[in-house]
Amino acid sequence: MTQYIDKSAVVAEIERLHKEWRWHSSTEAKYRCEVYRELSEFLDTLKVKEVDEEYNGKAMLHVLEKGVKQGRREIINRACKWLRKELVNFEDYSGMGEELISDFRKAMEE
């Protein structure tokens, strides 16, 4: 699953760190400020992709619904297969089994 980060939040954090360190006079502070500046320049080159949360939610719901329907079909098919196999063991089977299985399938699909 693709995950996105909020570019503005990253930029804000880099700016916060830069402000925190720019008042220090140590070599480490100067190095950090240079790194923060380079990071900011790099982030400016990145394209931002807008994420439509509503669309993503609808797409995930669609996939979930399709999966539920497929799973339900598979369960009904397995139950009908089992029923067909078991009905041949009864003496009163006499060809009525397919009608019973058809009725069973319809009832389960409703």
N, C-alpha and C. Protein backbone atom coordinates (compact mmCIF):
# COMPACT_ATOMS: atom_id res chain seq x y z
N MET A 1 0.83 -1.17 0.00
CA MET A 1 0.00 0.00 0.00
C MET A 1 0.88 1.23 0.00
N THR A 2 0.55 2.14 -0.88
CA THR A 2 1.33 3.36 -0.99
C THR A 2 1.03 4.29 0.16
N GLN A 3 2.08 4.84 0.74
CA GLN A 3 1.91 5.81 1.81
C GLN A 3 2.55 7.12 1.38
N TYR A 4 1.91 8.20 1.72
CA TYR A 4 2.40 9.53 1.36
C TYR A 4 2.75 10.30 2.62
N ILE A 5 3.67 11.25 2.45
CA ILE A 5 3.99 12.13 3.57
C ILE A 5 3.52 13.53 3.20
N ASP A 6 3.28 14.32 4.21
CA ASP A 6 2.84 15.69 4.01
C ASP A 6 4.09 16.56 3.84
N LYS A 7 4.32 17.00 2.62
CA LYS A 7 5.53 17.77 2.31
C LYS A 7 5.59 19.04 3.16
N SER A 8 4.47 19.71 3.35
CA SER A 8 4.48 20.96 4.12
C SER A 8 4.88 20.71 5.57
N ALA A 9 4.51 19.55 6.11
CA ALA A 9 4.90 19.23 7.49
C ALA A 9 6.40 19.00 7.58
N VAL A 10 6.98 18.35 6.58
CA VAL A 10 8.43 18.11 6.56
C VAL A 10 9.17 19.44 6.44
N VAL A 11 8.69 20.30 5.54
CA VAL A 11 9.32 21.61 5.36
C VAL A 11 9.25 22.42 6.66
N ALA A 12 8.09 22.38 7.31
CA ALA A 12 7.92 23.13 8.57
C ALA A 12 8.88 22.63 9.64
N GLU A 13 9.07 21.31 9.72
CA GLU A 13 9.99 20.75 10.72
C GLU A 13 11.44 21.15 10.41
N ILE A 14 11.82 21.14 9.15
CA ILE A 14 13.18 21.56 8.78
C ILE A 14 13.38 23.04 9.12
N GLU A 15 12.39 23.86 8.84
CA GLU A 15 12.49 25.28 9.16
C GLU A 15 12.61 25.49 10.68
N ARG A 16 11.85 24.71 11.44
CA ARG A 16 11.92 24.81 12.90
C ARG A 16 13.32 24.47 13.40
N LEU A 17 13.88 23.38 12.87
CA LEU A 17 15.23 22.98 13.27
C LEU A 17 16.26 24.02 12.85
N HIS A 18 16.10 24.58 11.68
CA HIS A 18 17.04 25.59 11.19
C HIS A 18 17.02 26.81 12.11
N LYS A 19 15.83 27.27 12.49
CA LYS A 19 15.72 28.42 13.40
C LYS A 19 16.36 28.11 14.76
N GLU A 20 16.18 26.88 15.20
CA GLU A 20 16.73 26.47 16.49
C GLU A 20 18.26 26.51 16.50
N TRP A 21 18.88 26.14 15.40
CA TRP A 21 20.34 26.02 15.36
C TRP A 21 21.07 27.23 14.78
N ARG A 22 20.37 28.09 14.07
CA ARG A 22 21.10 29.18 13.40
C ARG A 22 21.68 30.21 14.36
N TRP A 23 21.24 30.25 15.60
CA TRP A 23 21.76 31.20 16.57
C TRP A 23 23.02 30.70 17.28
N HIS A 24 23.31 29.41 17.07
CA HIS A 24 24.52 28.85 17.69
C HIS A 24 25.73 29.17 16.81
N SER A 25 26.85 29.29 17.44
CA SER A 25 28.06 29.65 16.68
C SER A 25 29.02 28.47 16.51
N SER A 26 28.66 27.31 16.98
CA SER A 26 29.57 26.17 16.89
C SER A 26 29.66 25.66 15.45
N THR A 27 30.70 24.89 15.21
CA THR A 27 30.89 24.28 13.90
C THR A 27 29.74 23.34 13.58
N GLU A 28 29.29 22.61 14.59
CA GLU A 28 28.16 21.69 14.40
C GLU A 28 26.91 22.44 13.96
N ALA A 29 26.65 23.58 14.59
CA ALA A 29 25.46 24.38 14.25
C ALA A 29 25.53 24.87 12.82
N LYS A 30 26.72 25.34 12.41
CA LYS A 30 26.88 25.81 11.03
C LYS A 30 26.66 24.68 10.04
N TYR A 31 27.20 23.49 10.39
CA TYR A 31 27.03 22.32 9.53
C TYR A 31 25.55 21.95 9.42
N ARG A 32 24.86 21.91 10.58
CA ARG A 32 23.43 21.57 10.58
C ARG A 32 22.62 22.56 9.73
N CYS A 33 22.90 23.84 9.90
CA CYS A 33 22.16 24.85 9.14
C CYS A 33 22.37 24.67 7.64
N GLU A 34 23.58 24.31 7.26
CA GLU A 34 23.86 24.06 5.84
C GLU A 34 23.08 22.84 5.34
N VAL A 35 23.03 21.79 6.15
CA VAL A 35 22.27 20.59 5.78
C VAL A 35 20.79 20.94 5.67
N TYR A 36 20.26 21.70 6.61
CA TYR A 36 18.84 22.08 6.56
C TYR A 36 18.54 22.91 5.31
N ARG A 37 19.44 23.80 4.96
CA ARG A 37 19.25 24.62 3.75
C ARG A 37 19.24 23.73 2.51
N GLU A 38 20.18 22.77 2.44
CA GLU A 38 20.24 21.86 1.29
C GLU A 38 18.99 20.98 1.22
N LEU A 39 18.53 20.52 2.38
CA LEU A 39 17.29 19.73 2.39
C LEU A 39 16.10 20.55 1.88
N SER A 40 16.01 21.78 2.30
CA SER A 40 14.93 22.65 1.85
C SER A 40 14.98 22.85 0.33
N GLU A 41 16.18 23.05 -0.19
CA GLU A 41 16.33 23.21 -1.64
C GLU A 41 15.92 21.93 -2.38
N PHE A 42 16.31 20.80 -1.83
CA PHE A 42 15.94 19.53 -2.43
C PHE A 42 14.42 19.34 -2.42
N LEU A 43 13.78 19.62 -1.28
CA LEU A 43 12.33 19.46 -1.19
C LEU A 43 11.59 20.37 -2.17
N ASP A 44 12.17 21.52 -2.45
CA ASP A 44 11.54 22.42 -3.43
C ASP A 44 11.50 21.81 -4.82
N THR A 45 12.36 20.86 -5.11
CA THR A 45 12.39 20.23 -6.44
C THR A 45 11.37 19.09 -6.56
N LEU A 46 10.83 18.62 -5.44
CA LEU A 46 9.90 17.49 -5.47
C LEU A 46 8.50 17.95 -5.86
N LYS A 47 7.88 17.14 -6.69
CA LYS A 47 6.49 17.40 -7.07
C LYS A 47 5.58 16.90 -5.97
N VAL A 48 4.49 17.58 -5.78
CA VAL A 48 3.52 17.20 -4.76
C VAL A 48 2.34 16.53 -5.44
N LYS A 49 1.94 15.41 -4.90
CA LYS A 49 0.77 14.70 -5.43
C LYS A 49 -0.38 14.90 -4.45
N GLU A 50 -1.45 15.47 -4.96
CA GLU A 50 -2.63 15.65 -4.13
C GLU A 50 -3.30 14.29 -3.97
N VAL A 51 -3.69 13.98 -2.78
CA VAL A 51 -4.34 12.70 -2.49
C VAL A 51 -5.81 12.98 -2.21
N ASP A 52 -6.65 12.35 -3.00
CA ASP A 52 -8.08 12.50 -2.82
C ASP A 52 -8.55 11.39 -1.87
N GLU A 53 -8.69 11.73 -0.60
CA GLU A 53 -9.04 10.74 0.42
C GLU A 53 -10.41 10.12 0.15
N GLU A 54 -11.35 10.94 -0.34
CA GLU A 54 -12.69 10.41 -0.60
C GLU A 54 -12.63 9.36 -1.71
N TYR A 55 -11.86 9.67 -2.78
CA TYR A 55 -11.73 8.70 -3.88
C TYR A 55 -11.07 7.42 -3.38
N ASN A 56 -10.00 7.56 -2.61
CA ASN A 56 -9.31 6.37 -2.08
C ASN A 56 -10.25 5.53 -1.22
N GLY A 57 -11.05 6.16 -0.41
CA GLY A 57 -12.00 5.43 0.42
C GLY A 57 -13.03 4.70 -0.41
N LYS A 58 -13.55 5.38 -1.45
CA LYS A 58 -14.54 4.73 -2.32
C LYS A 58 -13.92 3.57 -3.08
N ALA A 59 -12.68 3.73 -3.53
CA ALA A 59 -12.01 2.66 -4.26
C ALA A 59 -11.80 1.45 -3.35
N MET A 60 -11.38 1.69 -2.12
CA MET A 60 -11.16 0.58 -1.19
C MET A 60 -12.48 -0.12 -0.86
N LEU A 61 -13.56 0.67 -0.71
CA LEU A 61 -14.87 0.08 -0.43
C LEU A 61 -15.32 -0.78 -1.61
N HIS A 62 -15.09 -0.31 -2.83
CA HIS A 62 -15.45 -1.08 -4.02
C HIS A 62 -14.71 -2.42 -4.05
N VAL A 63 -13.42 -2.40 -3.79
CA VAL A 63 -12.62 -3.63 -3.78
C VAL A 63 -13.12 -4.57 -2.68
N LEU A 64 -13.42 -4.03 -1.53
CA LEU A 64 -13.93 -4.84 -0.42
C LEU A 64 -15.26 -5.50 -0.79
N GLU A 65 -16.16 -4.71 -1.39
CA GLU A 65 -17.47 -5.26 -1.78
C GLU A 65 -17.31 -6.37 -2.81
N LYS A 66 -16.41 -6.17 -3.78
CA LYS A 66 -16.16 -7.20 -4.79
C LYS A 66 -15.63 -8.47 -4.13
N GLY A 67 -14.74 -8.33 -3.19
CA GLY A 67 -14.18 -9.49 -2.49
C GLY A 67 -15.24 -10.24 -1.69
N VAL A 68 -16.13 -9.49 -1.05
CA VAL A 68 -17.20 -10.12 -0.27
C VAL A 68 -18.12 -10.90 -1.21
N LYS A 69 -18.48 -10.29 -2.34
CA LYS A 69 -19.36 -10.99 -3.31
C LYS A 69 -18.70 -12.26 -3.83
N GLN A 70 -17.42 -12.17 -4.17
CA GLN A 70 -16.69 -13.35 -4.67
C GLN A 70 -16.63 -14.44 -3.60
N GLY A 71 -16.33 -14.05 -2.38
CA GLY A 71 -16.27 -15.02 -1.29
C GLY A 71 -17.61 -15.68 -1.05
N ARG A 72 -18.66 -14.90 -1.11
CA ARG A 72 -20.00 -15.46 -0.92
C ARG A 72 -20.33 -16.47 -2.02
N ARG A 73 -20.00 -16.13 -3.28
CA ARG A 73 -20.23 -17.07 -4.39
C ARG A 73 -19.48 -18.37 -4.17
N GLU A 74 -18.23 -18.26 -3.73
CA GLU A 74 -17.43 -19.46 -3.50
C GLU A 74 -18.02 -20.33 -2.38
N ILE A 75 -18.51 -19.71 -1.33
CA ILE A 75 -19.12 -20.47 -0.23
C ILE A 75 -20.38 -21.18 -0.71
N ILE A 76 -21.22 -20.47 -1.46
CA ILE A 76 -22.45 -21.08 -1.98
C ILE A 76 -22.11 -22.24 -2.91
N ASN A 77 -21.11 -22.05 -3.78
CA ASN A 77 -20.70 -23.13 -4.68
C ASN A 77 -20.21 -24.36 -3.91
N ARG A 78 -19.43 -24.13 -2.88
CA ARG A 78 -18.94 -25.25 -2.06
C ARG A 78 -20.09 -25.97 -1.36
N ALA A 79 -21.04 -25.19 -0.84
CA ALA A 79 -22.17 -25.79 -0.15
C ALA A 79 -23.01 -26.62 -1.12
N CYS A 80 -23.22 -26.10 -2.34
CA CYS A 80 -23.99 -26.86 -3.34
C CYS A 80 -23.26 -28.13 -3.75
N LYS A 81 -21.96 -28.04 -3.89
CA LYS A 81 -21.17 -29.23 -4.24
C LYS A 81 -21.28 -30.28 -3.13
N TRP A 82 -21.17 -29.84 -1.89
CA TRP A 82 -21.29 -30.77 -0.77
C TRP A 82 -22.69 -31.37 -0.73
N LEU A 83 -23.71 -30.55 -0.93
CA LEU A 83 -25.09 -31.03 -0.90
C LEU A 83 -25.35 -32.06 -2.00
N ARG A 84 -24.83 -31.77 -3.20
CA ARG A 84 -24.99 -32.71 -4.32
C ARG A 84 -24.35 -34.05 -3.98
N LYS A 85 -23.16 -34.00 -3.39
CA LYS A 85 -22.45 -35.23 -3.03
C LYS A 85 -23.19 -36.02 -1.94
N GLU A 86 -23.73 -35.33 -0.97
CA GLU A 86 -24.41 -35.98 0.13
C GLU A 86 -25.79 -36.53 -0.26
N LEU A 87 -26.47 -35.86 -1.19
CA LEU A 87 -27.81 -36.30 -1.57
C LEU A 87 -27.82 -37.68 -2.24
N VAL A 88 -26.76 -38.04 -2.92
CA VAL A 88 -26.72 -39.34 -3.58
C VAL A 88 -26.71 -40.48 -2.57
N ASN A 89 -26.43 -40.20 -1.33
CA ASN A 89 -26.42 -41.23 -0.28
C ASN A 89 -27.82 -41.55 0.24
N PHE A 90 -28.82 -40.73 -0.12
CA PHE A 90 -30.18 -40.96 0.36
C PHE A 90 -30.96 -41.79 -0.65
N GLU A 91 -31.77 -42.72 -0.17
CA GLU A 91 -32.58 -43.59 -1.04
C GLU A 91 -33.65 -42.79 -1.77
N ASP A 92 -34.15 -41.72 -1.16
CA ASP A 92 -35.23 -40.93 -1.75
C ASP A 92 -34.71 -39.87 -2.72
N TYR A 93 -33.47 -39.98 -3.13
CA TYR A 93 -32.84 -38.97 -3.99
C TYR A 93 -33.63 -38.83 -5.28
N SER A 94 -33.84 -39.85 -6.01
CA SER A 94 -34.64 -39.97 -7.23
C SER A 94 -34.71 -38.70 -8.09
N GLY A 95 -33.60 -38.04 -8.29
CA GLY A 95 -33.53 -36.91 -9.22
C GLY A 95 -34.04 -35.60 -8.67
N MET A 96 -34.55 -35.56 -7.49
CA MET A 96 -35.08 -34.32 -6.90
C MET A 96 -33.96 -33.43 -6.37
N GLY A 97 -32.76 -33.96 -6.31
CA GLY A 97 -31.64 -33.23 -5.72
C GLY A 97 -31.28 -31.95 -6.44
N GLU A 98 -31.28 -31.97 -7.77
CA GLU A 98 -30.88 -30.77 -8.51
C GLU A 98 -31.87 -29.63 -8.29
N GLU A 99 -33.15 -29.98 -8.18
CA GLU A 99 -34.16 -28.95 -7.89
C GLU A 99 -33.93 -28.37 -6.49
N LEU A 100 -33.64 -29.25 -5.54
CA LEU A 100 -33.36 -28.81 -4.18
C LEU A 100 -32.12 -27.92 -4.14
N ILE A 101 -31.09 -28.32 -4.86
CA ILE A 101 -29.84 -27.54 -4.89
C ILE A 101 -30.09 -26.18 -5.53
N SER A 102 -30.89 -26.14 -6.61
CA SER A 102 -31.22 -24.89 -7.27
C SER A 102 -31.98 -23.96 -6.31
N ASP A 103 -32.94 -24.52 -5.60
CA ASP A 103 -33.71 -23.73 -4.62
C ASP A 103 -32.80 -23.25 -3.49
N PHE A 104 -31.91 -24.11 -3.04
CA PHE A 104 -30.95 -23.76 -1.99
C PHE A 104 -30.07 -22.60 -2.45
N ARG A 105 -29.55 -22.68 -3.68
CA ARG A 105 -28.69 -21.62 -4.23
C ARG A 105 -29.44 -20.29 -4.26
N LYS A 106 -30.68 -20.32 -4.76
CA LYS A 106 -31.48 -19.08 -4.83
C LYS A 106 -31.69 -18.48 -3.45
N ALA A 107 -32.01 -19.34 -2.50
CA ALA A 107 -32.23 -18.85 -1.13
C ALA A 107 -30.97 -18.23 -0.54
N MET A 108 -29.83 -18.84 -0.81
CA MET A 108 -28.57 -18.32 -0.27
C MET A 108 -28.15 -17.02 -0.96
N GLU A 109 -28.49 -16.85 -2.21
CA GLU A 109 -28.08 -15.65 -2.96
C GLU A 109 -28.95 -14.44 -2.63
N GLU A 110 -30.11 -14.67 -2.02
CA GLU A 110 -30.99 -13.54 -1.68
C GLU A 110 -30.47 -12.77 -0.50
